[in-house]
Amino acid sequence: MTTTALEAHQLYRFYHAGDDETLALRGVSLSVEEGELLAITGPSGSGKSTLLACLAGLDEPDGGFVRVAGETMSRRPEAERAALRARHLGMLFQTGNLIEHLTIAENVALAQRLARQPRKVRVGELLEDLGLTGRSNARPSQLSGGESARAGLAVALANEPAVLLADEPTGELDQGTQSRVLGLLRQRAEHGTAVVVVTHNQTVAGAADREIRLSDGQVIS
């Protein structure tokens, strides 16, 4: 029996600039089961990034709610949302999640300390799983593109999250590294993590169990 790890119900998000109003999300609903790899696709401006920010609790929807691992994320103070993110979510965004002055191992250890809960995975074991054992003492500026992508994934997975949210995780990678990162995402799903990937890449979308396509802030397929 599968369990719903992530649920969004009738999300609406409006932005105002003077007298103009932009409807970024128009009643978007979705659910992701444990062990499922879901791709969210659509053209630029379709609402993908806004949806991802709402799912992560980084942005508050104007209507509807988000529930992660059975706990409601929406309509809570930021401190409570941050605690929920640390416990249940791993995030891999295009802006990066590595702190430049820390080594890769220190970045992962910091993510674990911020969660304020017993460690579920050892730093060394996680880096070994991602093929980064020999780079644990390197800083982000010393990494190749593929190593940087895997190091970011290590930070996102530091606390064995119920849900992994990834924004274009293969955006600037060569085909070989893209295949490896996709394989790692699939591996996490097979271990029970609900993986949500926002992408323009049809290879990535084709590797998912399911695809949701957005247009003008609505689910069209």
N, C-alpha and C. Protein backbone atom coordinates (compact mmCIF):
# COMPACT_ATOMS: atom_id res chain seq x y z
N MET A 1 0.85 -1.20 0.00
CA MET A 1 0.00 0.00 0.00
C MET A 1 0.88 1.25 0.00
N THR A 2 0.67 2.14 -0.95
CA THR A 2 1.46 3.36 -1.03
C THR A 2 0.85 4.46 -0.15
N THR A 3 1.69 5.42 0.22
CA THR A 3 1.27 6.54 1.06
C THR A 3 1.55 7.84 0.32
N THR A 4 0.62 8.78 0.42
CA THR A 4 0.82 10.08 -0.19
C THR A 4 1.85 10.87 0.61
N ALA A 5 2.95 11.24 -0.05
CA ALA A 5 4.02 11.98 0.61
C ALA A 5 3.84 13.48 0.46
N LEU A 6 3.25 13.90 -0.65
CA LEU A 6 3.08 15.33 -0.95
C LEU A 6 1.73 15.55 -1.60
N GLU A 7 1.02 16.55 -1.11
CA GLU A 7 -0.31 16.86 -1.66
C GLU A 7 -0.47 18.37 -1.77
N ALA A 8 -0.95 18.81 -2.91
CA ALA A 8 -1.31 20.22 -3.11
C ALA A 8 -2.77 20.25 -3.56
N HIS A 9 -3.57 21.10 -2.94
CA HIS A 9 -5.00 21.15 -3.24
C HIS A 9 -5.41 22.56 -3.65
N GLN A 10 -5.83 22.68 -4.90
CA GLN A 10 -6.41 23.92 -5.41
C GLN A 10 -5.56 25.15 -5.07
N LEU A 11 -4.30 25.12 -5.52
CA LEU A 11 -3.40 26.23 -5.24
C LEU A 11 -3.65 27.40 -6.19
N TYR A 12 -3.78 28.59 -5.60
CA TYR A 12 -3.89 29.84 -6.35
C TYR A 12 -2.78 30.77 -5.87
N ARG A 13 -2.17 31.48 -6.83
CA ARG A 13 -1.15 32.47 -6.45
C ARG A 13 -1.26 33.67 -7.38
N PHE A 14 -1.43 34.86 -6.78
CA PHE A 14 -1.59 36.09 -7.53
C PHE A 14 -0.42 37.02 -7.21
N TYR A 15 0.03 37.74 -8.21
CA TYR A 15 1.05 38.77 -8.01
C TYR A 15 0.51 40.11 -8.51
N HIS A 16 0.79 41.18 -7.77
CA HIS A 16 0.30 42.50 -8.13
C HIS A 16 1.45 43.44 -8.44
N ALA A 17 1.33 44.18 -9.51
CA ALA A 17 2.29 45.23 -9.85
C ALA A 17 1.48 46.44 -10.30
N GLY A 18 1.31 47.38 -9.38
CA GLY A 18 0.43 48.51 -9.67
C GLY A 18 -1.00 48.04 -9.81
N ASP A 19 -1.62 48.38 -10.94
CA ASP A 19 -3.00 47.95 -11.17
C ASP A 19 -3.08 46.60 -11.86
N ASP A 20 -1.93 46.05 -12.22
CA ASP A 20 -1.91 44.77 -12.94
C ASP A 20 -1.86 43.60 -11.97
N GLU A 21 -2.59 42.56 -12.32
CA GLU A 21 -2.60 41.34 -11.52
C GLU A 21 -2.23 40.16 -12.40
N THR A 22 -1.26 39.38 -11.95
CA THR A 22 -0.84 38.18 -12.67
C THR A 22 -1.27 36.94 -11.90
N LEU A 23 -1.97 36.04 -12.58
CA LEU A 23 -2.40 34.80 -11.97
C LEU A 23 -1.37 33.73 -12.29
N ALA A 24 -0.46 33.49 -11.35
CA ALA A 24 0.62 32.54 -11.57
C ALA A 24 0.15 31.10 -11.44
N LEU A 25 -0.75 30.85 -10.50
CA LEU A 25 -1.34 29.51 -10.33
C LEU A 25 -2.85 29.65 -10.26
N ARG A 26 -3.56 28.76 -10.97
CA ARG A 26 -5.02 28.84 -11.03
C ARG A 26 -5.63 27.49 -10.67
N GLY A 27 -5.66 27.20 -9.39
CA GLY A 27 -6.33 25.98 -8.93
C GLY A 27 -5.57 24.71 -9.23
N VAL A 28 -4.26 24.71 -8.99
CA VAL A 28 -3.44 23.53 -9.28
C VAL A 28 -3.53 22.53 -8.13
N SER A 29 -3.84 21.29 -8.47
CA SER A 29 -3.87 20.20 -7.49
C SER A 29 -2.99 19.07 -7.98
N LEU A 30 -2.31 18.41 -7.04
CA LEU A 30 -1.52 17.23 -7.38
C LEU A 30 -1.24 16.44 -6.11
N SER A 31 -0.89 15.18 -6.29
CA SER A 31 -0.44 14.36 -5.17
C SER A 31 0.68 13.46 -5.68
N VAL A 32 1.64 13.20 -4.82
CA VAL A 32 2.78 12.37 -5.17
C VAL A 32 2.93 11.29 -4.10
N GLU A 33 3.02 10.05 -4.55
CA GLU A 33 3.12 8.93 -3.63
C GLU A 33 4.57 8.66 -3.26
N GLU A 34 4.76 7.98 -2.13
CA GLU A 34 6.10 7.51 -1.77
C GLU A 34 6.65 6.66 -2.91
N GLY A 35 7.89 6.88 -3.28
CA GLY A 35 8.52 6.08 -4.31
C GLY A 35 8.18 6.48 -5.73
N GLU A 36 7.49 7.59 -5.91
CA GLU A 36 7.10 8.04 -7.25
C GLU A 36 8.02 9.16 -7.73
N LEU A 37 8.36 9.13 -9.01
CA LEU A 37 9.13 10.20 -9.65
C LEU A 37 8.20 10.95 -10.59
N LEU A 38 7.89 12.20 -10.23
CA LEU A 38 6.95 13.02 -10.99
C LEU A 38 7.69 14.15 -11.68
N ALA A 39 7.42 14.35 -12.96
CA ALA A 39 7.97 15.49 -13.72
C ALA A 39 6.89 16.54 -13.91
N ILE A 40 7.25 17.80 -13.65
CA ILE A 40 6.36 18.93 -13.92
C ILE A 40 6.97 19.72 -15.07
N THR A 41 6.23 19.83 -16.16
CA THR A 41 6.75 20.47 -17.37
C THR A 41 5.81 21.59 -17.81
N GLY A 42 6.27 22.34 -18.80
CA GLY A 42 5.48 23.44 -19.34
C GLY A 42 6.40 24.54 -19.81
N PRO A 43 5.90 25.44 -20.65
CA PRO A 43 6.73 26.53 -21.17
C PRO A 43 7.12 27.52 -20.08
N SER A 44 8.11 28.36 -20.37
CA SER A 44 8.49 29.41 -19.43
C SER A 44 7.28 30.30 -19.14
N GLY A 45 7.10 30.64 -17.86
CA GLY A 45 5.97 31.47 -17.47
C GLY A 45 4.70 30.70 -17.21
N SER A 46 4.78 29.37 -17.23
CA SER A 46 3.57 28.56 -17.04
C SER A 46 3.21 28.36 -15.57
N GLY A 47 4.13 28.73 -14.65
CA GLY A 47 3.84 28.58 -13.22
C GLY A 47 4.65 27.51 -12.53
N LYS A 48 5.59 26.90 -13.23
CA LYS A 48 6.35 25.77 -12.65
C LYS A 48 7.15 26.19 -11.41
N SER A 49 7.89 27.28 -11.53
CA SER A 49 8.74 27.72 -10.42
C SER A 49 7.89 28.19 -9.24
N THR A 50 6.78 28.88 -9.53
CA THR A 50 5.88 29.31 -8.46
C THR A 50 5.30 28.10 -7.75
N LEU A 51 4.91 27.09 -8.51
CA LEU A 51 4.37 25.87 -7.90
C LEU A 51 5.41 25.22 -7.01
N LEU A 52 6.65 25.12 -7.49
CA LEU A 52 7.70 24.48 -6.70
C LEU A 52 7.95 25.25 -5.41
N ALA A 53 7.94 26.58 -5.48
CA ALA A 53 8.15 27.40 -4.29
C ALA A 53 7.02 27.20 -3.28
N CYS A 54 5.80 27.05 -3.76
CA CYS A 54 4.66 26.80 -2.86
C CYS A 54 4.76 25.40 -2.24
N LEU A 55 5.17 24.42 -3.05
CA LEU A 55 5.32 23.06 -2.52
C LEU A 55 6.38 23.00 -1.42
N ALA A 56 7.42 23.83 -1.58
CA ALA A 56 8.51 23.86 -0.61
C ALA A 56 8.21 24.73 0.61
N GLY A 57 7.09 25.45 0.57
CA GLY A 57 6.79 26.36 1.66
C GLY A 57 7.63 27.62 1.65
N LEU A 58 8.28 27.89 0.52
CA LEU A 58 9.06 29.12 0.38
C LEU A 58 8.19 30.29 -0.05
N ASP A 59 7.01 29.98 -0.54
CA ASP A 59 6.03 30.99 -0.95
C ASP A 59 4.66 30.51 -0.48
N GLU A 60 3.85 31.43 -0.02
CA GLU A 60 2.52 31.08 0.46
C GLU A 60 1.48 31.21 -0.65
N PRO A 61 0.69 30.18 -0.91
CA PRO A 61 -0.39 30.32 -1.89
C PRO A 61 -1.46 31.26 -1.36
N ASP A 62 -2.15 31.93 -2.28
CA ASP A 62 -3.26 32.80 -1.90
C ASP A 62 -4.54 32.00 -1.68
N GLY A 63 -4.55 30.77 -2.14
CA GLY A 63 -5.68 29.88 -1.93
C GLY A 63 -5.21 28.45 -1.99
N GLY A 64 -5.88 27.56 -1.30
CA GLY A 64 -5.49 26.16 -1.28
C GLY A 64 -4.44 25.88 -0.21
N PHE A 65 -3.92 24.64 -0.20
CA PHE A 65 -2.95 24.27 0.82
C PHE A 65 -2.00 23.20 0.28
N VAL A 66 -0.87 23.08 0.98
CA VAL A 66 0.12 22.04 0.70
C VAL A 66 0.30 21.21 1.95
N ARG A 67 0.36 19.90 1.77
CA ARG A 67 0.59 18.99 2.89
C ARG A 67 1.78 18.10 2.57
N VAL A 68 2.76 18.01 3.47
CA VAL A 68 3.97 17.22 3.28
C VAL A 68 4.08 16.19 4.40
N ALA A 69 4.20 14.92 4.01
CA ALA A 69 4.33 13.83 4.99
C ALA A 69 3.22 13.90 6.03
N GLY A 70 2.03 14.26 5.59
CA GLY A 70 0.87 14.30 6.47
C GLY A 70 0.73 15.57 7.27
N GLU A 71 1.67 16.51 7.15
CA GLU A 71 1.62 17.75 7.91
C GLU A 71 1.35 18.93 6.98
N THR A 72 0.47 19.82 7.39
CA THR A 72 0.12 20.97 6.56
C THR A 72 1.24 22.00 6.58
N MET A 73 1.70 22.38 5.41
CA MET A 73 2.77 23.36 5.27
C MET A 73 2.23 24.79 5.20
N SER A 74 1.09 24.97 4.57
CA SER A 74 0.56 26.31 4.31
C SER A 74 -0.07 26.93 5.57
N ARG A 75 -0.14 28.27 5.56
CA ARG A 75 -0.78 29.05 6.63
C ARG A 75 -0.10 28.84 7.98
N ARG A 76 1.21 28.71 7.96
CA ARG A 76 1.95 28.57 9.21
C ARG A 76 3.06 29.62 9.23
N PRO A 77 3.53 30.02 10.41
CA PRO A 77 4.65 30.95 10.48
C PRO A 77 5.87 30.38 9.78
N GLU A 78 6.73 31.25 9.28
CA GLU A 78 7.91 30.81 8.54
C GLU A 78 8.79 29.89 9.38
N ALA A 79 8.93 30.14 10.67
CA ALA A 79 9.76 29.29 11.51
C ALA A 79 9.24 27.85 11.51
N GLU A 80 7.93 27.69 11.53
CA GLU A 80 7.35 26.35 11.51
C GLU A 80 7.52 25.70 10.14
N ARG A 81 7.38 26.50 9.07
CA ARG A 81 7.57 25.96 7.73
C ARG A 81 9.03 25.52 7.54
N ALA A 82 9.95 26.33 8.07
CA ALA A 82 11.37 25.97 7.96
C ALA A 82 11.66 24.67 8.68
N ALA A 83 11.05 24.47 9.82
CA ALA A 83 11.25 23.22 10.56
C ALA A 83 10.70 22.03 9.78
N LEU A 84 9.54 22.22 9.14
CA LEU A 84 8.97 21.15 8.33
C LEU A 84 9.86 20.84 7.13
N ARG A 85 10.39 21.89 6.50
CA ARG A 85 11.30 21.67 5.37
C ARG A 85 12.51 20.84 5.81
N ALA A 86 13.09 21.21 6.95
CA ALA A 86 14.28 20.51 7.42
C ALA A 86 13.99 19.04 7.72
N ARG A 87 12.79 18.76 8.22
CA ARG A 87 12.45 17.38 8.58
C ARG A 87 12.06 16.53 7.39
N HIS A 88 11.31 17.12 6.45
CA HIS A 88 10.64 16.29 5.44
C HIS A 88 11.06 16.55 4.00
N LEU A 89 11.71 17.68 3.72
CA LEU A 89 11.99 18.06 2.34
C LEU A 89 13.48 18.13 2.03
N GLY A 90 13.83 17.67 0.84
CA GLY A 90 15.14 17.94 0.28
C GLY A 90 14.94 18.81 -0.93
N MET A 91 15.77 19.86 -1.09
CA MET A 91 15.55 20.81 -2.18
C MET A 91 16.83 20.99 -2.99
N LEU A 92 16.67 20.90 -4.30
CA LEU A 92 17.79 21.08 -5.22
C LEU A 92 17.33 22.10 -6.27
N PHE A 93 17.64 23.37 -6.01
CA PHE A 93 17.19 24.45 -6.88
C PHE A 93 18.33 24.95 -7.75
N GLN A 94 17.97 25.65 -8.83
CA GLN A 94 18.97 26.14 -9.77
C GLN A 94 19.94 27.13 -9.13
N THR A 95 19.48 27.85 -8.12
CA THR A 95 20.35 28.80 -7.44
C THR A 95 21.43 28.11 -6.63
N GLY A 96 21.30 26.81 -6.43
CA GLY A 96 22.32 26.06 -5.70
C GLY A 96 22.02 26.00 -4.21
N ASN A 97 22.50 24.95 -3.56
CA ASN A 97 22.27 24.80 -2.13
C ASN A 97 23.58 24.51 -1.40
N LEU A 98 24.70 24.94 -2.00
CA LEU A 98 26.02 24.72 -1.39
C LEU A 98 26.57 26.05 -0.88
N ILE A 99 27.13 26.03 0.33
CA ILE A 99 27.77 27.21 0.91
C ILE A 99 29.24 27.19 0.51
N GLU A 100 29.68 28.26 -0.13
CA GLU A 100 30.98 28.27 -0.80
C GLU A 100 32.17 28.04 0.13
N HIS A 101 32.14 28.55 1.35
CA HIS A 101 33.32 28.45 2.20
C HIS A 101 33.39 27.13 2.98
N LEU A 102 32.40 26.26 2.79
CA LEU A 102 32.40 24.96 3.46
C LEU A 102 32.77 23.86 2.48
N THR A 103 33.39 22.81 2.98
CA THR A 103 33.65 21.65 2.13
C THR A 103 32.34 20.92 1.86
N ILE A 104 32.39 19.96 0.95
CA ILE A 104 31.17 19.20 0.64
C ILE A 104 30.68 18.45 1.87
N ALA A 105 31.59 17.80 2.58
CA ALA A 105 31.20 17.08 3.80
C ALA A 105 30.61 18.03 4.83
N GLU A 106 31.19 19.23 4.96
CA GLU A 106 30.68 20.20 5.92
C GLU A 106 29.31 20.73 5.51
N ASN A 107 29.07 20.89 4.22
CA ASN A 107 27.75 21.30 3.74
C ASN A 107 26.69 20.28 4.13
N VAL A 108 26.99 18.99 3.94
CA VAL A 108 26.04 17.94 4.28
C VAL A 108 25.81 17.89 5.79
N ALA A 109 26.89 17.98 6.57
CA ALA A 109 26.77 17.94 8.02
C ALA A 109 25.96 19.12 8.55
N LEU A 110 26.12 20.30 7.93
CA LEU A 110 25.35 21.47 8.35
C LEU A 110 23.87 21.24 8.11
N ALA A 111 23.52 20.68 6.95
CA ALA A 111 22.11 20.39 6.66
C ALA A 111 21.53 19.45 7.71
N GLN A 112 22.32 18.50 8.17
CA GLN A 112 21.84 17.57 9.19
C GLN A 112 21.66 18.27 10.53
N ARG A 113 22.57 19.16 10.88
CA ARG A 113 22.44 19.88 12.16
C ARG A 113 21.21 20.78 12.16
N LEU A 114 20.93 21.41 11.03
CA LEU A 114 19.78 22.32 10.94
C LEU A 114 18.46 21.58 11.14
N ALA A 115 18.44 20.29 10.83
CA ALA A 115 17.20 19.51 10.98
C ALA A 115 16.86 19.24 12.44
N ARG A 116 17.87 19.31 13.32
CA ARG A 116 17.66 19.10 14.76
C ARG A 116 16.93 17.81 15.06
N GLN A 117 17.38 16.76 14.43
CA GLN A 117 16.82 15.43 14.68
C GLN A 117 17.94 14.41 14.52
N PRO A 118 17.73 13.19 15.06
CA PRO A 118 18.79 12.18 14.95
C PRO A 118 19.17 11.93 13.49
N ARG A 119 20.46 11.81 13.22
CA ARG A 119 20.91 11.56 11.86
C ARG A 119 20.42 10.21 11.37
N LYS A 120 19.89 10.19 10.15
CA LYS A 120 19.42 8.95 9.55
C LYS A 120 20.47 8.32 8.65
N VAL A 121 21.46 9.12 8.25
CA VAL A 121 22.47 8.63 7.32
C VAL A 121 23.81 9.28 7.67
N ARG A 122 24.88 8.54 7.56
CA ARG A 122 26.22 9.08 7.81
C ARG A 122 26.70 9.85 6.59
N VAL A 123 27.41 10.94 6.84
CA VAL A 123 27.89 11.79 5.75
C VAL A 123 28.75 10.98 4.78
N GLY A 124 29.70 10.21 5.31
CA GLY A 124 30.59 9.44 4.46
C GLY A 124 29.86 8.44 3.58
N GLU A 125 28.84 7.79 4.14
CA GLU A 125 28.07 6.80 3.38
C GLU A 125 27.30 7.47 2.25
N LEU A 126 26.72 8.64 2.54
CA LEU A 126 25.95 9.36 1.51
C LEU A 126 26.87 9.80 0.37
N LEU A 127 28.03 10.35 0.70
CA LEU A 127 28.96 10.79 -0.34
C LEU A 127 29.48 9.61 -1.15
N GLU A 128 29.66 8.47 -0.49
CA GLU A 128 30.09 7.26 -1.21
C GLU A 128 29.01 6.82 -2.21
N ASP A 129 27.76 6.86 -1.77
CA ASP A 129 26.64 6.47 -2.64
C ASP A 129 26.59 7.35 -3.89
N LEU A 130 26.99 8.62 -3.75
CA LEU A 130 26.92 9.57 -4.85
C LEU A 130 28.25 9.69 -5.60
N GLY A 131 29.19 8.83 -5.26
CA GLY A 131 30.46 8.85 -5.96
C GLY A 131 31.32 10.06 -5.64
N LEU A 132 31.24 10.56 -4.41
CA LEU A 132 31.96 11.77 -4.04
C LEU A 132 32.94 11.56 -2.90
N THR A 133 33.27 10.33 -2.58
CA THR A 133 34.15 10.06 -1.45
C THR A 133 35.46 10.82 -1.56
N GLY A 134 36.05 10.84 -2.74
CA GLY A 134 37.34 11.50 -2.93
C GLY A 134 37.26 13.01 -2.97
N ARG A 135 36.04 13.56 -2.95
CA ARG A 135 35.86 15.02 -3.04
C ARG A 135 35.24 15.60 -1.77
N SER A 136 35.20 14.84 -0.70
CA SER A 136 34.51 15.28 0.52
C SER A 136 35.12 16.54 1.11
N ASN A 137 36.43 16.75 0.93
CA ASN A 137 37.09 17.93 1.49
C ASN A 137 37.24 19.06 0.48
N ALA A 138 36.65 18.91 -0.70
CA ALA A 138 36.70 19.97 -1.71
C ALA A 138 35.61 21.01 -1.43
N ARG A 139 35.87 22.24 -1.85
CA ARG A 139 34.87 23.29 -1.75
C ARG A 139 34.13 23.41 -3.09
N PRO A 140 32.92 23.99 -3.07
CA PRO A 140 32.12 24.04 -4.30
C PRO A 140 32.86 24.60 -5.51
N SER A 141 33.71 25.61 -5.32
CA SER A 141 34.41 26.21 -6.45
C SER A 141 35.42 25.26 -7.09
N GLN A 142 35.76 24.18 -6.39
CA GLN A 142 36.74 23.22 -6.89
C GLN A 142 36.10 22.04 -7.61
N LEU A 143 34.79 22.06 -7.75
CA LEU A 143 34.07 20.92 -8.33
C LEU A 143 33.77 21.14 -9.81
N SER A 144 33.70 20.04 -10.54
CA SER A 144 33.21 20.08 -11.92
C SER A 144 31.69 20.23 -11.89
N GLY A 145 31.09 20.46 -13.06
CA GLY A 145 29.64 20.60 -13.12
C GLY A 145 28.92 19.36 -12.61
N GLY A 146 29.39 18.19 -13.00
CA GLY A 146 28.76 16.95 -12.55
C GLY A 146 28.93 16.72 -11.07
N GLU A 147 30.13 17.03 -10.56
CA GLU A 147 30.37 16.88 -9.12
C GLU A 147 29.51 17.85 -8.32
N SER A 148 29.37 19.07 -8.84
CA SER A 148 28.55 20.07 -8.16
C SER A 148 27.09 19.63 -8.08
N ALA A 149 26.59 19.05 -9.16
CA ALA A 149 25.20 18.55 -9.18
C ALA A 149 25.02 17.45 -8.15
N ARG A 150 25.99 16.54 -8.07
CA ARG A 150 25.89 15.44 -7.11
C ARG A 150 26.08 15.92 -5.67
N ALA A 151 26.95 16.93 -5.48
CA ALA A 151 27.13 17.49 -4.14
C ALA A 151 25.85 18.18 -3.67
N GLY A 152 25.20 18.92 -4.57
CA GLY A 152 23.93 19.53 -4.23
C GLY A 152 22.88 18.49 -3.88
N LEU A 153 22.90 17.39 -4.59
CA LEU A 153 21.97 16.30 -4.31
C LEU A 153 22.28 15.69 -2.95
N ALA A 154 23.55 15.59 -2.59
CA ALA A 154 23.93 15.07 -1.27
C ALA A 154 23.35 15.92 -0.16
N VAL A 155 23.42 17.25 -0.32
CA VAL A 155 22.85 18.15 0.69
C VAL A 155 21.33 17.96 0.75
N ALA A 156 20.69 17.84 -0.41
CA ALA A 156 19.24 17.67 -0.45
C ALA A 156 18.80 16.37 0.21
N LEU A 157 19.67 15.35 0.18
CA LEU A 157 19.33 14.04 0.72
C LEU A 157 19.90 13.82 2.12
N ALA A 158 20.48 14.84 2.71
CA ALA A 158 21.21 14.70 3.98
C ALA A 158 20.35 14.11 5.09
N ASN A 159 19.05 14.40 5.06
CA ASN A 159 18.17 13.96 6.15
C ASN A 159 17.16 12.90 5.71
N GLU A 160 17.50 12.18 4.63
CA GLU A 160 16.59 11.14 4.13
C GLU A 160 15.17 11.69 4.00
N PRO A 161 14.96 12.73 3.20
CA PRO A 161 13.66 13.40 3.16
C PRO A 161 12.56 12.51 2.58
N ALA A 162 11.34 12.79 3.02
CA ALA A 162 10.19 12.10 2.44
C ALA A 162 9.95 12.56 1.01
N VAL A 163 10.30 13.83 0.74
CA VAL A 163 10.06 14.43 -0.57
C VAL A 163 11.32 15.16 -1.03
N LEU A 164 11.70 14.94 -2.28
CA LEU A 164 12.82 15.65 -2.90
C LEU A 164 12.27 16.52 -4.03
N LEU A 165 12.51 17.83 -3.95
CA LEU A 165 12.08 18.78 -4.97
C LEU A 165 13.31 19.25 -5.74
N ALA A 166 13.29 19.11 -7.06
CA ALA A 166 14.45 19.46 -7.88
C ALA A 166 14.01 20.34 -9.04
N ASP A 167 14.69 21.47 -9.20
CA ASP A 167 14.40 22.42 -10.28
C ASP A 167 15.49 22.31 -11.34
N GLU A 168 15.16 21.76 -12.49
CA GLU A 168 16.10 21.58 -13.60
C GLU A 168 17.43 20.98 -13.12
N PRO A 169 17.39 19.81 -12.49
CA PRO A 169 18.62 19.25 -11.91
C PRO A 169 19.67 18.85 -12.94
N THR A 170 19.28 18.75 -14.22
CA THR A 170 20.24 18.37 -15.26
C THR A 170 20.46 19.51 -16.25
N GLY A 171 20.06 20.73 -15.89
CA GLY A 171 20.03 21.84 -16.84
C GLY A 171 21.32 22.14 -17.55
N GLU A 172 22.46 22.06 -16.86
CA GLU A 172 23.73 22.44 -17.48
C GLU A 172 24.72 21.28 -17.53
N LEU A 173 24.21 20.07 -17.57
CA LEU A 173 25.07 18.89 -17.53
C LEU A 173 25.20 18.25 -18.90
N ASP A 174 26.36 17.61 -19.13
CA ASP A 174 26.52 16.86 -20.37
C ASP A 174 25.67 15.59 -20.29
N GLN A 175 25.53 14.91 -21.40
CA GLN A 175 24.59 13.78 -21.47
C GLN A 175 24.97 12.66 -20.50
N GLY A 176 26.27 12.39 -20.38
CA GLY A 176 26.68 11.32 -19.47
C GLY A 176 26.37 11.64 -18.02
N THR A 177 26.66 12.88 -17.60
CA THR A 177 26.38 13.28 -16.22
C THR A 177 24.88 13.37 -15.99
N GLN A 178 24.14 13.81 -17.01
CA GLN A 178 22.68 13.86 -16.90
C GLN A 178 22.13 12.47 -16.63
N SER A 179 22.62 11.47 -17.33
CA SER A 179 22.15 10.10 -17.14
C SER A 179 22.45 9.62 -15.73
N ARG A 180 23.62 10.00 -15.21
CA ARG A 180 23.99 9.57 -13.86
C ARG A 180 23.08 10.22 -12.82
N VAL A 181 22.82 11.52 -12.96
CA VAL A 181 21.96 12.21 -12.01
C VAL A 181 20.54 11.64 -12.08
N LEU A 182 20.05 11.38 -13.28
CA LEU A 182 18.73 10.76 -13.42
C LEU A 182 18.68 9.41 -12.73
N GLY A 183 19.76 8.65 -12.89
CA GLY A 183 19.83 7.35 -12.23
C GLY A 183 19.78 7.49 -10.71
N LEU A 184 20.44 8.51 -10.18
CA LEU A 184 20.43 8.74 -8.74
C LEU A 184 19.04 9.14 -8.25
N LEU A 185 18.34 9.97 -9.03
CA LEU A 185 16.98 10.34 -8.66
C LEU A 185 16.06 9.13 -8.67
N ARG A 186 16.22 8.29 -9.67
CA ARG A 186 15.43 7.06 -9.75
C ARG A 186 15.73 6.15 -8.56
N GLN A 187 17.01 6.08 -8.20
CA GLN A 187 17.41 5.26 -7.06
C GLN A 187 16.75 5.74 -5.78
N ARG A 188 16.69 7.07 -5.59
CA ARG A 188 16.05 7.60 -4.38
C ARG A 188 14.56 7.25 -4.37
N ALA A 189 13.92 7.34 -5.54
CA ALA A 189 12.51 6.97 -5.61
C ALA A 189 12.31 5.50 -5.24
N GLU A 190 13.20 4.65 -5.72
CA GLU A 190 13.09 3.22 -5.42
C GLU A 190 13.27 2.94 -3.94
N HIS A 191 13.94 3.86 -3.23
CA HIS A 191 14.11 3.73 -1.78
C HIS A 191 12.96 4.38 -1.02
N GLY A 192 11.93 4.85 -1.72
CA GLY A 192 10.73 5.34 -1.07
C GLY A 192 10.54 6.84 -1.05
N THR A 193 11.52 7.61 -1.53
CA THR A 193 11.37 9.06 -1.57
C THR A 193 10.45 9.47 -2.71
N ALA A 194 9.56 10.42 -2.44
CA ALA A 194 8.75 11.02 -3.51
C ALA A 194 9.60 12.10 -4.16
N VAL A 195 9.86 11.97 -5.46
CA VAL A 195 10.75 12.89 -6.17
C VAL A 195 9.93 13.72 -7.17
N VAL A 196 10.04 15.04 -7.07
CA VAL A 196 9.35 15.96 -7.98
C VAL A 196 10.40 16.78 -8.71
N VAL A 197 10.38 16.69 -10.04
CA VAL A 197 11.37 17.37 -10.86
C VAL A 197 10.67 18.35 -11.80
N VAL A 198 11.05 19.62 -11.72
CA VAL A 198 10.60 20.61 -12.69
C VAL A 198 11.63 20.65 -13.82
N THR A 199 11.18 20.50 -15.06
CA THR A 199 12.14 20.39 -16.15
C THR A 199 11.56 20.84 -17.49
N HIS A 200 12.45 21.30 -18.37
CA HIS A 200 12.11 21.52 -19.77
C HIS A 200 12.62 20.35 -20.62
N ASN A 201 13.40 19.47 -20.01
CA ASN A 201 14.09 18.41 -20.73
C ASN A 201 13.17 17.20 -20.91
N GLN A 202 12.88 16.85 -22.16
CA GLN A 202 11.98 15.74 -22.41
C GLN A 202 12.59 14.38 -22.06
N THR A 203 13.92 14.30 -22.05
CA THR A 203 14.56 13.06 -21.60
C THR A 203 14.29 12.84 -20.12
N VAL A 204 14.39 13.91 -19.35
CA VAL A 204 14.10 13.83 -17.92
C VAL A 204 12.62 13.50 -17.70
N ALA A 205 11.74 14.19 -18.42
CA ALA A 205 10.31 13.94 -18.28
C ALA A 205 9.96 12.50 -18.66
N GLY A 206 10.64 11.99 -19.70
CA GLY A 206 10.37 10.64 -20.14
C GLY A 206 10.83 9.58 -19.16
N ALA A 207 11.78 9.94 -18.28
CA ALA A 207 12.27 8.99 -17.27
C ALA A 207 11.38 8.94 -16.04
N ALA A 208 10.41 9.86 -15.95
CA ALA A 208 9.54 9.93 -14.78
C ALA A 208 8.42 8.89 -14.87
N ASP A 209 7.83 8.59 -13.73
CA ASP A 209 6.67 7.69 -13.69
C ASP A 209 5.44 8.38 -14.25
N ARG A 210 5.41 9.71 -14.08
CA ARG A 210 4.22 10.47 -14.47
C ARG A 210 4.65 11.89 -14.77
N GLU A 211 3.92 12.56 -15.66
CA GLU A 211 4.22 13.93 -16.02
C GLU A 211 2.97 14.79 -15.87
N ILE A 212 3.14 15.95 -15.24
CA ILE A 212 2.08 16.94 -15.16
C ILE A 212 2.54 18.16 -15.95
N ARG A 213 1.71 18.60 -16.89
CA ARG A 213 2.08 19.73 -17.73
C ARG A 213 1.24 20.94 -17.36
N LEU A 214 1.93 22.08 -17.20
CA LEU A 214 1.27 23.33 -16.85
C LEU A 214 1.25 24.28 -18.03
N SER A 215 0.22 25.10 -18.08
CA SER A 215 0.15 26.19 -19.04
C SER A 215 -0.70 27.29 -18.41
N ASP A 216 -0.17 28.51 -18.39
CA ASP A 216 -0.88 29.64 -17.81
C ASP A 216 -1.39 29.34 -16.41
N GLY A 217 -0.56 28.67 -15.59
CA GLY A 217 -0.90 28.43 -14.21
C GLY A 217 -1.91 27.35 -13.96
N GLN A 218 -2.20 26.55 -14.99
CA GLN A 218 -3.18 25.47 -14.84
C GLN A 218 -2.60 24.14 -15.31
N VAL A 219 -3.09 23.05 -14.74
CA VAL A 219 -2.72 21.72 -15.21
C VAL A 219 -3.51 21.43 -16.48
N ILE A 220 -2.81 21.14 -17.58
CA ILE A 220 -3.51 20.86 -18.84
C ILE A 220 -3.42 19.40 -19.22
N SER A 221 -2.51 18.64 -18.58
CA SER A 221 -2.45 17.19 -18.86
C SER A 221 -1.63 16.52 -17.77
